[in-house]
Amino acid sequence: MLFVMKVLAPLTALALAGCSVVGIRSGTPEPAYDVVGTVGPVQIRHYAPRLAASVTIPGGEIDARYQGFRRLAAFIFGANTGGKSIEMTAPVAQSSEKIAMTAPVAQSGGADGWTITFYMPAGYTAATLPRPNDAGIVIHVVPGLTYGVYRFSGIPGTAPVERAEAIVLTNLKNSAWRPDGPAVAWFYDPPWTLPFCRRNEVAVPVVPAAGG
């Protein structure tokens, strides 16, 4: 057994190093959260309000994810007022729900489609964040919420995301928490990351259950 462990250790390190080459996050900032409980494999997290940039793309889920990623990446890499580069953060969020926009940003686009979101680094406000050149990108504040979160790896296609959502909802039944909104999928790695290196999550807004 000791020999096996000695052999596996450098192989594991090599695999993780390879992940950094092919796109896995490495020190990418994430929104801060507090873990307030667990329900089986589901972690209950509370997030404070945070600034975000979102774009809504019509069409299929996967194609919308790639298009949205490219447009938001262009924004943070300099396609904005002043041509300023903005630090990348994780995760990227995807949902089919329209975001309620906050003034003075106007809502654009139709009611259908997928909304892709990049969370902005701490320290920016809606007043100090550079404006995107892309008129379809909206800057807004995501309110503070508590989520039931399930983590999984692999390629986050429609079926794996739906399975992850089902796991969250199944574990919330008869727990101290109940769902309070539509699920959102969070992706921590760029699309070209090897599947086994990926960190994906499905998050469902929750509130304490009656009597919980």
N, C-alpha and C. Protein backbone atom coordinates (compact mmCIF):
# COMPACT_ATOMS: atom_id res chain seq x y z
N MET A 1 0.83 -1.21 0.00
CA MET A 1 0.00 0.00 0.00
C MET A 1 0.86 1.25 0.00
N LEU A 2 1.95 1.25 0.79
CA LEU A 2 2.83 2.41 0.84
C LEU A 2 3.44 2.68 -0.52
N PHE A 3 3.82 1.59 -1.23
CA PHE A 3 4.39 1.75 -2.57
C PHE A 3 3.37 2.39 -3.51
N VAL A 4 2.12 1.91 -3.43
CA VAL A 4 1.08 2.46 -4.29
C VAL A 4 0.90 3.94 -4.03
N MET A 5 0.88 4.33 -2.74
CA MET A 5 0.70 5.74 -2.39
C MET A 5 1.85 6.58 -2.92
N LYS A 6 3.08 6.05 -2.86
CA LYS A 6 4.25 6.79 -3.35
C LYS A 6 4.16 6.98 -4.86
N VAL A 7 3.61 5.99 -5.56
CA VAL A 7 3.47 6.10 -7.01
C VAL A 7 2.36 7.08 -7.37
N LEU A 8 1.23 7.01 -6.65
CA LEU A 8 0.08 7.83 -6.98
C LEU A 8 0.30 9.30 -6.66
N ALA A 9 1.09 9.58 -5.62
CA ALA A 9 1.27 10.97 -5.20
C ALA A 9 1.81 11.86 -6.31
N PRO A 10 2.94 11.49 -6.97
CA PRO A 10 3.43 12.34 -8.05
C PRO A 10 2.49 12.37 -9.25
N LEU A 11 1.76 11.26 -9.50
CA LEU A 11 0.82 11.25 -10.60
C LEU A 11 -0.33 12.21 -10.34
N THR A 12 -0.80 12.26 -9.08
CA THR A 12 -1.86 13.20 -8.72
C THR A 12 -1.39 14.63 -8.88
N ALA A 13 -0.17 14.90 -8.42
CA ALA A 13 0.38 16.25 -8.55
C ALA A 13 0.52 16.64 -10.01
N LEU A 14 0.96 15.67 -10.84
CA LEU A 14 1.11 15.94 -12.26
C LEU A 14 -0.24 16.24 -12.91
N ALA A 15 -1.27 15.48 -12.51
CA ALA A 15 -2.61 15.68 -13.07
C ALA A 15 -3.13 17.07 -12.71
N LEU A 16 -2.93 17.49 -11.46
CA LEU A 16 -3.39 18.80 -11.04
C LEU A 16 -2.62 19.90 -11.75
N ALA A 17 -1.33 19.67 -11.94
CA ALA A 17 -0.53 20.66 -12.67
C ALA A 17 -1.03 20.78 -14.10
N GLY A 18 -1.38 19.62 -14.70
CA GLY A 18 -1.91 19.63 -16.05
C GLY A 18 -3.22 20.39 -16.13
N CYS A 19 -4.02 20.31 -15.08
CA CYS A 19 -5.29 21.04 -15.06
C CYS A 19 -5.05 22.53 -15.17
N SER A 20 -4.00 23.03 -14.51
CA SER A 20 -3.75 24.47 -14.56
C SER A 20 -3.37 24.91 -15.96
N VAL A 21 -2.75 24.00 -16.73
CA VAL A 21 -2.35 24.33 -18.09
C VAL A 21 -3.56 24.40 -19.01
N VAL A 22 -4.56 23.54 -18.77
CA VAL A 22 -5.68 23.45 -19.70
C VAL A 22 -6.90 24.23 -19.22
N GLY A 23 -6.72 25.12 -18.25
CA GLY A 23 -7.78 26.05 -17.98
C GLY A 23 -8.41 26.03 -16.61
N ILE A 24 -8.03 25.08 -15.75
CA ILE A 24 -8.66 25.07 -14.43
C ILE A 24 -8.28 26.33 -13.66
N ARG A 25 -9.19 26.81 -12.83
CA ARG A 25 -8.94 28.02 -12.04
C ARG A 25 -7.67 27.84 -11.21
N SER A 26 -6.93 28.88 -11.00
CA SER A 26 -5.75 28.84 -10.15
C SER A 26 -5.67 30.16 -9.41
N GLY A 27 -6.19 30.19 -8.19
CA GLY A 27 -6.20 31.41 -7.41
C GLY A 27 -7.24 32.41 -7.87
N THR A 28 -8.23 31.97 -8.66
CA THR A 28 -9.27 32.89 -9.12
C THR A 28 -10.15 33.28 -7.95
N PRO A 29 -10.36 34.59 -7.71
CA PRO A 29 -11.20 35.00 -6.58
C PRO A 29 -12.62 34.50 -6.73
N GLU A 30 -13.26 34.23 -5.60
CA GLU A 30 -14.65 33.81 -5.57
C GLU A 30 -15.41 34.68 -4.58
N PRO A 31 -16.73 34.86 -4.79
CA PRO A 31 -17.52 35.60 -3.80
C PRO A 31 -17.45 34.91 -2.44
N ALA A 32 -17.31 35.69 -1.39
CA ALA A 32 -17.24 35.13 -0.04
C ALA A 32 -18.61 34.60 0.38
N TYR A 33 -18.59 33.53 1.18
CA TYR A 33 -19.84 32.99 1.70
C TYR A 33 -19.60 32.33 3.05
N ASP A 34 -20.68 32.16 3.80
CA ASP A 34 -20.64 31.45 5.08
C ASP A 34 -21.41 30.15 4.94
N VAL A 35 -20.81 29.05 5.39
CA VAL A 35 -21.51 27.77 5.41
C VAL A 35 -22.35 27.73 6.69
N VAL A 36 -23.67 27.64 6.53
CA VAL A 36 -24.56 27.68 7.68
C VAL A 36 -25.19 26.32 7.98
N GLY A 37 -24.85 25.31 7.20
CA GLY A 37 -25.37 23.98 7.47
C GLY A 37 -25.11 23.05 6.31
N THR A 38 -25.46 21.78 6.48
CA THR A 38 -25.38 20.79 5.42
C THR A 38 -26.62 19.90 5.50
N VAL A 39 -27.04 19.41 4.34
CA VAL A 39 -28.14 18.45 4.25
C VAL A 39 -27.66 17.35 3.32
N GLY A 40 -27.14 16.26 3.89
CA GLY A 40 -26.54 15.22 3.06
C GLY A 40 -25.38 15.81 2.29
N PRO A 41 -25.34 15.62 0.95
CA PRO A 41 -24.24 16.17 0.15
C PRO A 41 -24.44 17.63 -0.22
N VAL A 42 -25.52 18.23 0.25
CA VAL A 42 -25.85 19.62 -0.09
C VAL A 42 -25.35 20.56 0.99
N GLN A 43 -24.58 21.55 0.57
CA GLN A 43 -24.05 22.55 1.50
C GLN A 43 -24.96 23.78 1.49
N ILE A 44 -25.31 24.28 2.67
CA ILE A 44 -26.14 25.47 2.78
C ILE A 44 -25.21 26.67 2.98
N ARG A 45 -25.21 27.57 2.00
CA ARG A 45 -24.29 28.72 2.03
C ARG A 45 -25.08 30.03 2.01
N HIS A 46 -24.57 31.00 2.74
CA HIS A 46 -25.15 32.35 2.66
C HIS A 46 -24.14 33.29 1.99
N TYR A 47 -24.60 33.97 0.94
CA TYR A 47 -23.79 34.94 0.21
C TYR A 47 -24.30 36.34 0.48
N ALA A 48 -23.39 37.28 0.68
CA ALA A 48 -23.75 38.69 0.82
C ALA A 48 -24.06 39.26 -0.56
N PRO A 49 -24.68 40.43 -0.66
CA PRO A 49 -24.91 41.06 -1.96
C PRO A 49 -23.59 41.23 -2.71
N ARG A 50 -23.63 41.08 -4.05
CA ARG A 50 -22.42 41.20 -4.84
C ARG A 50 -22.75 41.76 -6.22
N LEU A 51 -21.76 42.45 -6.78
CA LEU A 51 -21.93 43.10 -8.07
C LEU A 51 -21.69 42.08 -9.18
N ALA A 52 -22.47 42.19 -10.25
CA ALA A 52 -22.36 41.20 -11.33
C ALA A 52 -22.59 41.87 -12.68
N ALA A 53 -22.10 41.20 -13.72
CA ALA A 53 -22.38 41.59 -15.10
C ALA A 53 -23.06 40.41 -15.77
N SER A 54 -24.18 40.65 -16.44
CA SER A 54 -24.96 39.56 -17.04
C SER A 54 -25.33 39.89 -18.47
N VAL A 55 -25.51 38.84 -19.26
CA VAL A 55 -26.00 38.99 -20.62
C VAL A 55 -26.98 37.85 -20.87
N THR A 56 -28.10 38.16 -21.51
CA THR A 56 -29.12 37.16 -21.81
C THR A 56 -29.02 36.77 -23.28
N ILE A 57 -28.92 35.45 -23.52
CA ILE A 57 -28.72 34.91 -24.86
C ILE A 57 -29.91 34.03 -25.22
N PRO A 58 -30.56 34.26 -26.35
CA PRO A 58 -31.64 33.36 -26.77
C PRO A 58 -31.08 32.06 -27.31
N GLY A 59 -31.92 31.05 -27.38
CA GLY A 59 -31.49 29.79 -27.96
C GLY A 59 -31.24 28.72 -26.93
N GLY A 60 -30.44 27.71 -27.33
CA GLY A 60 -30.19 26.55 -26.49
C GLY A 60 -29.26 26.84 -25.32
N GLU A 61 -29.35 26.00 -24.31
CA GLU A 61 -28.59 26.20 -23.08
C GLU A 61 -27.09 26.20 -23.30
N ILE A 62 -26.55 25.20 -23.98
CA ILE A 62 -25.10 25.07 -24.12
C ILE A 62 -24.53 26.17 -25.00
N ASP A 63 -25.17 26.41 -26.15
CA ASP A 63 -24.70 27.47 -27.05
C ASP A 63 -24.76 28.82 -26.36
N ALA A 64 -25.81 29.04 -25.58
CA ALA A 64 -25.93 30.31 -24.86
C ALA A 64 -24.79 30.48 -23.86
N ARG A 65 -24.39 29.38 -23.24
CA ARG A 65 -23.30 29.45 -22.26
C ARG A 65 -22.00 29.90 -22.92
N TYR A 66 -21.69 29.32 -24.07
CA TYR A 66 -20.46 29.67 -24.76
C TYR A 66 -20.50 31.11 -25.29
N GLN A 67 -21.62 31.48 -25.88
CA GLN A 67 -21.74 32.85 -26.37
C GLN A 67 -21.65 33.86 -25.23
N GLY A 68 -22.37 33.57 -24.15
CA GLY A 68 -22.34 34.48 -23.01
C GLY A 68 -20.96 34.59 -22.39
N PHE A 69 -20.26 33.44 -22.29
CA PHE A 69 -18.90 33.45 -21.74
C PHE A 69 -18.00 34.35 -22.58
N ARG A 70 -18.08 34.21 -23.91
CA ARG A 70 -17.21 35.00 -24.79
C ARG A 70 -17.50 36.49 -24.66
N ARG A 71 -18.77 36.87 -24.63
CA ARG A 71 -19.12 38.29 -24.56
C ARG A 71 -18.72 38.90 -23.22
N LEU A 72 -18.95 38.16 -22.13
CA LEU A 72 -18.57 38.69 -20.82
C LEU A 72 -17.05 38.71 -20.64
N ALA A 73 -16.37 37.69 -21.20
CA ALA A 73 -14.91 37.68 -21.12
C ALA A 73 -14.33 38.87 -21.88
N ALA A 74 -14.91 39.21 -23.03
CA ALA A 74 -14.43 40.38 -23.77
C ALA A 74 -14.58 41.64 -22.94
N PHE A 75 -15.69 41.74 -22.21
CA PHE A 75 -15.92 42.90 -21.34
C PHE A 75 -14.84 43.03 -20.27
N ILE A 76 -14.56 41.93 -19.56
CA ILE A 76 -13.59 42.05 -18.47
C ILE A 76 -12.15 42.12 -18.96
N PHE A 77 -11.90 41.71 -20.21
CA PHE A 77 -10.54 41.79 -20.75
C PHE A 77 -10.26 43.09 -21.49
N GLY A 78 -11.21 44.06 -21.40
CA GLY A 78 -10.89 45.39 -21.93
C GLY A 78 -11.92 46.02 -22.84
N ALA A 79 -12.98 45.29 -23.21
CA ALA A 79 -14.01 45.88 -24.06
C ALA A 79 -14.98 46.68 -23.20
N ASN A 80 -14.44 47.77 -22.63
CA ASN A 80 -15.22 48.60 -21.71
C ASN A 80 -14.68 50.02 -21.75
N THR A 81 -15.36 50.92 -21.10
CA THR A 81 -14.91 52.31 -21.07
C THR A 81 -13.52 52.38 -20.44
N GLY A 82 -12.59 52.99 -21.15
CA GLY A 82 -11.23 53.09 -20.66
C GLY A 82 -10.36 51.92 -21.02
N GLY A 83 -10.95 50.86 -21.60
CA GLY A 83 -10.17 49.69 -21.99
C GLY A 83 -9.48 49.02 -20.82
N LYS A 84 -10.12 49.03 -19.65
CA LYS A 84 -9.49 48.50 -18.44
C LYS A 84 -9.74 47.01 -18.30
N SER A 85 -8.71 46.26 -17.89
CA SER A 85 -8.85 44.84 -17.63
C SER A 85 -9.38 44.64 -16.21
N ILE A 86 -10.39 43.80 -16.08
CA ILE A 86 -11.01 43.51 -14.79
C ILE A 86 -10.66 42.09 -14.40
N GLU A 87 -10.28 41.88 -13.16
CA GLU A 87 -9.87 40.56 -12.71
C GLU A 87 -11.02 39.56 -12.85
N MET A 88 -10.71 38.38 -13.36
CA MET A 88 -11.69 37.32 -13.51
C MET A 88 -12.03 36.74 -12.15
N THR A 89 -13.29 36.44 -11.91
CA THR A 89 -13.70 35.74 -10.69
C THR A 89 -14.50 34.50 -11.07
N ALA A 90 -14.67 33.61 -10.11
CA ALA A 90 -15.48 32.41 -10.32
C ALA A 90 -16.58 32.40 -9.25
N PRO A 91 -17.72 31.79 -9.51
CA PRO A 91 -18.07 31.05 -10.71
C PRO A 91 -18.76 31.91 -11.76
N VAL A 92 -18.93 31.31 -12.95
CA VAL A 92 -19.84 31.86 -13.96
C VAL A 92 -21.19 31.22 -13.69
N ALA A 93 -22.25 32.02 -13.71
CA ALA A 93 -23.58 31.50 -13.39
C ALA A 93 -24.44 31.46 -14.64
N GLN A 94 -25.33 30.47 -14.70
CA GLN A 94 -26.27 30.38 -15.81
C GLN A 94 -27.64 30.02 -15.26
N SER A 95 -28.65 30.72 -15.72
CA SER A 95 -30.03 30.40 -15.34
C SER A 95 -30.95 30.78 -16.47
N SER A 96 -32.19 30.30 -16.40
CA SER A 96 -33.18 30.65 -17.41
C SER A 96 -34.09 31.76 -16.92
N GLU A 97 -33.76 32.33 -15.76
CA GLU A 97 -34.60 33.38 -15.18
C GLU A 97 -34.09 34.74 -15.60
N LYS A 98 -34.99 35.64 -15.94
CA LYS A 98 -34.61 37.02 -16.22
C LYS A 98 -34.20 37.70 -14.93
N ILE A 99 -33.18 38.55 -15.01
CA ILE A 99 -32.71 39.28 -13.83
C ILE A 99 -33.44 40.61 -13.72
N ALA A 100 -33.88 40.94 -12.53
CA ALA A 100 -34.50 42.24 -12.32
C ALA A 100 -33.40 43.29 -12.29
N MET A 101 -33.40 44.19 -13.26
CA MET A 101 -32.34 45.17 -13.38
C MET A 101 -32.52 46.32 -12.39
N THR A 102 -31.41 46.92 -11.99
CA THR A 102 -31.47 48.05 -11.07
C THR A 102 -31.09 49.32 -11.82
N ALA A 103 -31.74 50.44 -11.43
CA ALA A 103 -31.44 51.73 -12.06
C ALA A 103 -29.99 52.11 -11.78
N PRO A 104 -29.31 52.82 -12.70
CA PRO A 104 -29.84 53.41 -13.92
C PRO A 104 -29.69 52.53 -15.16
N VAL A 105 -29.37 51.24 -15.00
CA VAL A 105 -29.19 50.38 -16.16
C VAL A 105 -30.56 49.96 -16.68
N ALA A 106 -30.75 50.05 -18.00
CA ALA A 106 -32.03 49.67 -18.60
C ALA A 106 -32.01 48.20 -18.98
N GLN A 107 -33.13 47.55 -18.87
CA GLN A 107 -33.25 46.15 -19.26
C GLN A 107 -33.35 46.05 -20.77
N SER A 108 -32.59 45.12 -21.37
CA SER A 108 -32.63 44.95 -22.81
C SER A 108 -32.85 43.49 -23.15
N GLY A 109 -33.31 43.25 -24.39
CA GLY A 109 -33.51 41.88 -24.83
C GLY A 109 -34.91 41.40 -24.52
N GLY A 110 -35.20 40.16 -24.99
CA GLY A 110 -36.51 39.58 -24.80
C GLY A 110 -36.62 38.83 -23.50
N ALA A 111 -37.79 38.25 -23.29
CA ALA A 111 -38.05 37.53 -22.04
C ALA A 111 -37.49 36.12 -22.08
N ASP A 112 -37.21 35.57 -23.26
CA ASP A 112 -36.72 34.21 -23.37
C ASP A 112 -35.20 34.18 -23.44
N GLY A 113 -34.64 32.99 -23.18
CA GLY A 113 -33.20 32.83 -23.30
C GLY A 113 -32.55 32.51 -21.97
N TRP A 114 -31.23 32.41 -21.99
CA TRP A 114 -30.44 32.06 -20.82
C TRP A 114 -29.62 33.27 -20.39
N THR A 115 -29.60 33.54 -19.09
CA THR A 115 -28.82 34.65 -18.56
C THR A 115 -27.50 34.12 -18.01
N ILE A 116 -26.39 34.61 -18.55
CA ILE A 116 -25.05 34.22 -18.13
C ILE A 116 -24.48 35.37 -17.30
N THR A 117 -23.85 35.04 -16.17
CA THR A 117 -23.42 36.07 -15.21
C THR A 117 -21.97 35.87 -14.81
N PHE A 118 -21.19 36.95 -14.82
CA PHE A 118 -19.87 36.98 -14.20
C PHE A 118 -19.99 37.84 -12.94
N TYR A 119 -19.48 37.34 -11.82
CA TYR A 119 -19.45 38.14 -10.60
C TYR A 119 -18.21 39.01 -10.60
N MET A 120 -18.38 40.28 -10.22
CA MET A 120 -17.28 41.23 -10.26
C MET A 120 -16.43 41.14 -8.99
N PRO A 121 -15.14 41.49 -9.09
CA PRO A 121 -14.27 41.44 -7.92
C PRO A 121 -14.73 42.39 -6.82
N ALA A 122 -14.45 42.02 -5.59
CA ALA A 122 -14.76 42.89 -4.45
C ALA A 122 -14.00 44.20 -4.60
N GLY A 123 -14.61 45.28 -4.19
CA GLY A 123 -13.97 46.59 -4.27
C GLY A 123 -14.61 47.47 -5.32
N TYR A 124 -15.25 46.87 -6.33
CA TYR A 124 -15.98 47.65 -7.32
C TYR A 124 -17.38 47.96 -6.80
N THR A 125 -17.91 49.08 -7.23
CA THR A 125 -19.32 49.40 -7.05
C THR A 125 -19.93 49.63 -8.42
N ALA A 126 -21.25 49.76 -8.46
CA ALA A 126 -21.90 50.03 -9.74
C ALA A 126 -21.41 51.34 -10.33
N ALA A 127 -20.95 52.27 -9.47
CA ALA A 127 -20.47 53.57 -9.95
C ALA A 127 -19.04 53.51 -10.46
N THR A 128 -18.21 52.63 -9.89
CA THR A 128 -16.79 52.60 -10.24
C THR A 128 -16.44 51.55 -11.29
N LEU A 129 -17.31 50.58 -11.51
CA LEU A 129 -17.02 49.53 -12.50
C LEU A 129 -17.07 50.13 -13.90
N PRO A 130 -16.06 49.84 -14.76
CA PRO A 130 -16.12 50.32 -16.14
C PRO A 130 -17.38 49.84 -16.84
N ARG A 131 -17.93 50.66 -17.72
CA ARG A 131 -19.14 50.29 -18.47
C ARG A 131 -18.76 49.40 -19.65
N PRO A 132 -19.52 48.34 -19.88
CA PRO A 132 -19.23 47.47 -21.04
C PRO A 132 -19.53 48.15 -22.37
N ASN A 133 -18.71 47.91 -23.37
CA ASN A 133 -19.00 48.40 -24.72
C ASN A 133 -20.18 47.65 -25.33
N ASP A 134 -20.38 46.42 -24.91
CA ASP A 134 -21.47 45.57 -25.40
C ASP A 134 -22.77 46.04 -24.72
N ALA A 135 -23.69 46.59 -25.52
CA ALA A 135 -24.94 47.13 -24.96
C ALA A 135 -25.83 46.06 -24.35
N GLY A 136 -25.60 44.79 -24.69
CA GLY A 136 -26.41 43.72 -24.13
C GLY A 136 -25.99 43.28 -22.75
N ILE A 137 -24.83 43.74 -22.26
CA ILE A 137 -24.34 43.37 -20.94
C ILE A 137 -24.88 44.35 -19.91
N VAL A 138 -25.45 43.82 -18.85
CA VAL A 138 -26.08 44.64 -17.82
C VAL A 138 -25.32 44.47 -16.51
N ILE A 139 -25.02 45.58 -15.85
CA ILE A 139 -24.38 45.57 -14.53
C ILE A 139 -25.48 45.69 -13.48
N HIS A 140 -25.44 44.82 -12.48
CA HIS A 140 -26.50 44.82 -11.47
C HIS A 140 -25.96 44.24 -10.17
N VAL A 141 -26.72 44.40 -9.10
CA VAL A 141 -26.36 43.86 -7.80
C VAL A 141 -27.20 42.61 -7.54
N VAL A 142 -26.54 41.50 -7.29
CA VAL A 142 -27.22 40.27 -6.89
C VAL A 142 -27.49 40.37 -5.40
N PRO A 143 -28.75 40.25 -4.97
CA PRO A 143 -29.04 40.40 -3.54
C PRO A 143 -28.43 39.28 -2.71
N GLY A 144 -28.23 39.51 -1.44
CA GLY A 144 -27.74 38.47 -0.54
C GLY A 144 -28.77 37.35 -0.43
N LEU A 145 -28.32 36.11 -0.58
CA LEU A 145 -29.22 34.97 -0.54
C LEU A 145 -28.54 33.78 0.12
N THR A 146 -29.37 32.86 0.60
CA THR A 146 -28.89 31.58 1.10
C THR A 146 -29.25 30.51 0.08
N TYR A 147 -28.29 29.63 -0.23
CA TYR A 147 -28.48 28.61 -1.26
C TYR A 147 -28.18 27.22 -0.71
N GLY A 148 -28.89 26.24 -1.25
CA GLY A 148 -28.48 24.85 -1.12
C GLY A 148 -27.64 24.50 -2.33
N VAL A 149 -26.38 24.08 -2.12
CA VAL A 149 -25.42 23.94 -3.21
C VAL A 149 -24.90 22.50 -3.28
N TYR A 150 -24.92 21.95 -4.49
CA TYR A 150 -24.36 20.62 -4.73
C TYR A 150 -23.26 20.73 -5.76
N ARG A 151 -22.11 20.15 -5.47
CA ARG A 151 -20.94 20.25 -6.33
C ARG A 151 -20.74 18.96 -7.13
N PHE A 152 -20.34 19.10 -8.40
CA PHE A 152 -20.06 17.94 -9.23
C PHE A 152 -19.02 18.31 -10.28
N SER A 153 -18.40 17.30 -10.89
CA SER A 153 -17.38 17.52 -11.92
C SER A 153 -17.93 17.05 -13.25
N GLY A 154 -17.07 17.05 -14.27
CA GLY A 154 -17.48 16.59 -15.59
C GLY A 154 -17.98 17.73 -16.46
N ILE A 155 -18.41 17.38 -17.67
CA ILE A 155 -18.95 18.36 -18.60
C ILE A 155 -20.36 18.73 -18.16
N PRO A 156 -20.62 20.00 -17.89
CA PRO A 156 -21.92 20.39 -17.33
C PRO A 156 -22.99 20.58 -18.39
N GLY A 157 -23.35 19.49 -19.06
CA GLY A 157 -24.43 19.55 -20.03
C GLY A 157 -25.78 19.63 -19.34
N THR A 158 -26.84 19.63 -20.13
CA THR A 158 -28.19 19.77 -19.58
C THR A 158 -28.52 18.66 -18.60
N ALA A 159 -28.25 17.41 -18.96
CA ALA A 159 -28.61 16.27 -18.11
C ALA A 159 -27.86 16.29 -16.77
N PRO A 160 -26.52 16.50 -16.74
CA PRO A 160 -25.84 16.56 -15.44
C PRO A 160 -26.34 17.69 -14.55
N VAL A 161 -26.65 18.84 -15.14
CA VAL A 161 -27.16 19.95 -14.34
C VAL A 161 -28.53 19.60 -13.77
N GLU A 162 -29.38 18.96 -14.57
CA GLU A 162 -30.70 18.56 -14.08
C GLU A 162 -30.58 17.51 -12.97
N ARG A 163 -29.63 16.59 -13.10
CA ARG A 163 -29.43 15.59 -12.05
C ARG A 163 -28.97 16.24 -10.76
N ALA A 164 -28.06 17.22 -10.89
CA ALA A 164 -27.57 17.92 -9.70
C ALA A 164 -28.70 18.69 -9.02
N GLU A 165 -29.55 19.32 -9.83
CA GLU A 165 -30.70 20.03 -9.25
C GLU A 165 -31.62 19.07 -8.51
N ALA A 166 -31.86 17.89 -9.11
CA ALA A 166 -32.71 16.90 -8.47
C ALA A 166 -32.13 16.44 -7.14
N ILE A 167 -30.80 16.31 -7.07
CA ILE A 167 -30.16 15.91 -5.81
C ILE A 167 -30.39 16.97 -4.75
N VAL A 168 -30.25 18.24 -5.12
CA VAL A 168 -30.49 19.32 -4.15
C VAL A 168 -31.93 19.26 -3.65
N LEU A 169 -32.88 19.20 -4.57
CA LEU A 169 -34.29 19.24 -4.18
C LEU A 169 -34.69 18.02 -3.35
N THR A 170 -34.15 16.85 -3.70
CA THR A 170 -34.46 15.63 -2.95
C THR A 170 -33.96 15.73 -1.51
N ASN A 171 -32.75 16.26 -1.34
CA ASN A 171 -32.18 16.36 0.00
C ASN A 171 -32.84 17.45 0.84
N LEU A 172 -33.40 18.46 0.18
CA LEU A 172 -34.07 19.52 0.94
C LEU A 172 -35.41 19.06 1.51
N LYS A 173 -36.01 18.02 0.90
CA LYS A 173 -37.29 17.53 1.41
C LYS A 173 -37.15 17.06 2.86
N ASN A 174 -38.08 17.46 3.69
CA ASN A 174 -38.11 17.07 5.11
C ASN A 174 -36.89 17.55 5.88
N SER A 175 -36.20 18.59 5.34
CA SER A 175 -35.05 19.17 6.05
C SER A 175 -35.49 20.48 6.70
N ALA A 176 -34.52 21.18 7.29
CA ALA A 176 -34.80 22.47 7.92
C ALA A 176 -34.87 23.60 6.91
N TRP A 177 -34.72 23.26 5.60
CA TRP A 177 -34.71 24.28 4.56
C TRP A 177 -35.68 23.89 3.46
N ARG A 178 -36.24 24.91 2.80
CA ARG A 178 -37.12 24.64 1.66
C ARG A 178 -36.70 25.52 0.48
N PRO A 179 -36.92 25.06 -0.75
CA PRO A 179 -36.57 25.87 -1.93
C PRO A 179 -37.35 27.17 -1.96
N ASP A 180 -36.70 28.23 -2.46
CA ASP A 180 -37.35 29.53 -2.52
C ASP A 180 -36.98 30.27 -3.80
N GLY A 181 -36.93 29.54 -4.91
CA GLY A 181 -36.60 30.17 -6.18
C GLY A 181 -36.02 29.16 -7.14
N PRO A 182 -35.84 29.57 -8.40
CA PRO A 182 -35.30 28.66 -9.41
C PRO A 182 -33.82 28.38 -9.20
N ALA A 183 -33.40 27.21 -9.65
CA ALA A 183 -31.99 26.82 -9.53
C ALA A 183 -31.13 27.62 -10.49
N VAL A 184 -29.86 27.77 -10.12
CA VAL A 184 -28.88 28.40 -10.99
C VAL A 184 -27.66 27.49 -11.04
N ALA A 185 -27.04 27.38 -12.23
CA ALA A 185 -25.84 26.56 -12.38
C ALA A 185 -24.62 27.46 -12.32
N TRP A 186 -23.60 27.05 -11.56
CA TRP A 186 -22.37 27.82 -11.41
C TRP A 186 -21.22 27.01 -12.00
N PHE A 187 -20.40 27.67 -12.83
CA PHE A 187 -19.26 27.01 -13.47
C PHE A 187 -17.99 27.77 -13.10
N TYR A 188 -17.02 27.06 -12.53
CA TYR A 188 -15.81 27.69 -12.01
C TYR A 188 -14.64 27.67 -12.98
N ASP A 189 -14.79 27.02 -14.11
CA ASP A 189 -13.68 26.84 -15.04
C ASP A 189 -14.09 27.26 -16.45
N PRO A 190 -13.12 27.70 -17.27
CA PRO A 190 -13.44 28.02 -18.66
C PRO A 190 -13.82 26.78 -19.43
N PRO A 191 -14.50 26.94 -20.57
CA PRO A 191 -15.05 25.79 -21.30
C PRO A 191 -14.03 24.76 -21.75
N TRP A 192 -12.77 25.15 -21.90
CA TRP A 192 -11.78 24.20 -22.43
C TRP A 192 -11.12 23.35 -21.34
N THR A 193 -11.53 23.50 -20.08
CA THR A 193 -10.94 22.72 -18.99
C THR A 193 -11.30 21.24 -19.14
N LEU A 194 -10.33 20.35 -18.84
CA LEU A 194 -10.60 18.91 -18.89
C LEU A 194 -11.75 18.57 -17.95
N PRO A 195 -12.66 17.67 -18.38
CA PRO A 195 -13.86 17.38 -17.58
C PRO A 195 -13.57 16.98 -16.14
N PHE A 196 -12.57 16.10 -15.90
CA PHE A 196 -12.36 15.63 -14.54
C PHE A 196 -11.77 16.71 -13.65
N CYS A 197 -11.28 17.80 -14.24
CA CYS A 197 -10.74 18.91 -13.47
C CYS A 197 -11.79 19.95 -13.12
N ARG A 198 -12.96 19.85 -13.72
CA ARG A 198 -13.95 20.92 -13.58
C ARG A 198 -14.65 20.90 -12.23
N ARG A 199 -14.95 22.10 -11.77
CA ARG A 199 -15.81 22.28 -10.59
C ARG A 199 -17.09 22.95 -11.06
N ASN A 200 -18.19 22.24 -10.94
CA ASN A 200 -19.51 22.77 -11.28
C ASN A 200 -20.39 22.68 -10.04
N GLU A 201 -21.36 23.56 -9.94
CA GLU A 201 -22.29 23.51 -8.83
C GLU A 201 -23.68 23.91 -9.30
N VAL A 202 -24.68 23.33 -8.68
CA VAL A 202 -26.06 23.80 -8.83
C VAL A 202 -26.50 24.35 -7.49
N ALA A 203 -27.07 25.54 -7.52
CA ALA A 203 -27.48 26.23 -6.30
C ALA A 203 -28.96 26.57 -6.38
N VAL A 204 -29.68 26.26 -5.31
CA VAL A 204 -31.11 26.55 -5.22
C VAL A 204 -31.32 27.51 -4.05
N PRO A 205 -31.92 28.68 -4.26
CA PRO A 205 -32.19 29.58 -3.14
C PRO A 205 -33.08 28.86 -2.11
N VAL A 206 -32.76 29.04 -0.83
CA VAL A 206 -33.52 28.38 0.23
C VAL A 206 -33.84 29.37 1.35
N VAL A 207 -34.87 29.03 2.10
CA VAL A 207 -35.24 29.73 3.32
C VAL A 207 -35.53 28.68 4.38
N PRO A 208 -35.49 29.05 5.67
CA PRO A 208 -35.83 28.06 6.69
C PRO A 208 -37.25 27.52 6.50
N ALA A 209 -37.39 26.21 6.64
CA ALA A 209 -38.71 25.60 6.53
C ALA A 209 -39.53 25.93 7.78
N ALA A 210 -40.83 25.93 7.63
CA ALA A 210 -41.71 26.20 8.76
C ALA A 210 -41.43 25.21 9.88
N GLY A 211 -41.13 25.75 11.04
CA GLY A 211 -40.83 24.88 12.17
C GLY A 211 -39.42 24.38 12.19
N GLY A 212 -38.58 24.82 11.15
CA GLY A 212 -37.21 24.34 11.08
C GLY A 212 -36.27 25.10 11.98
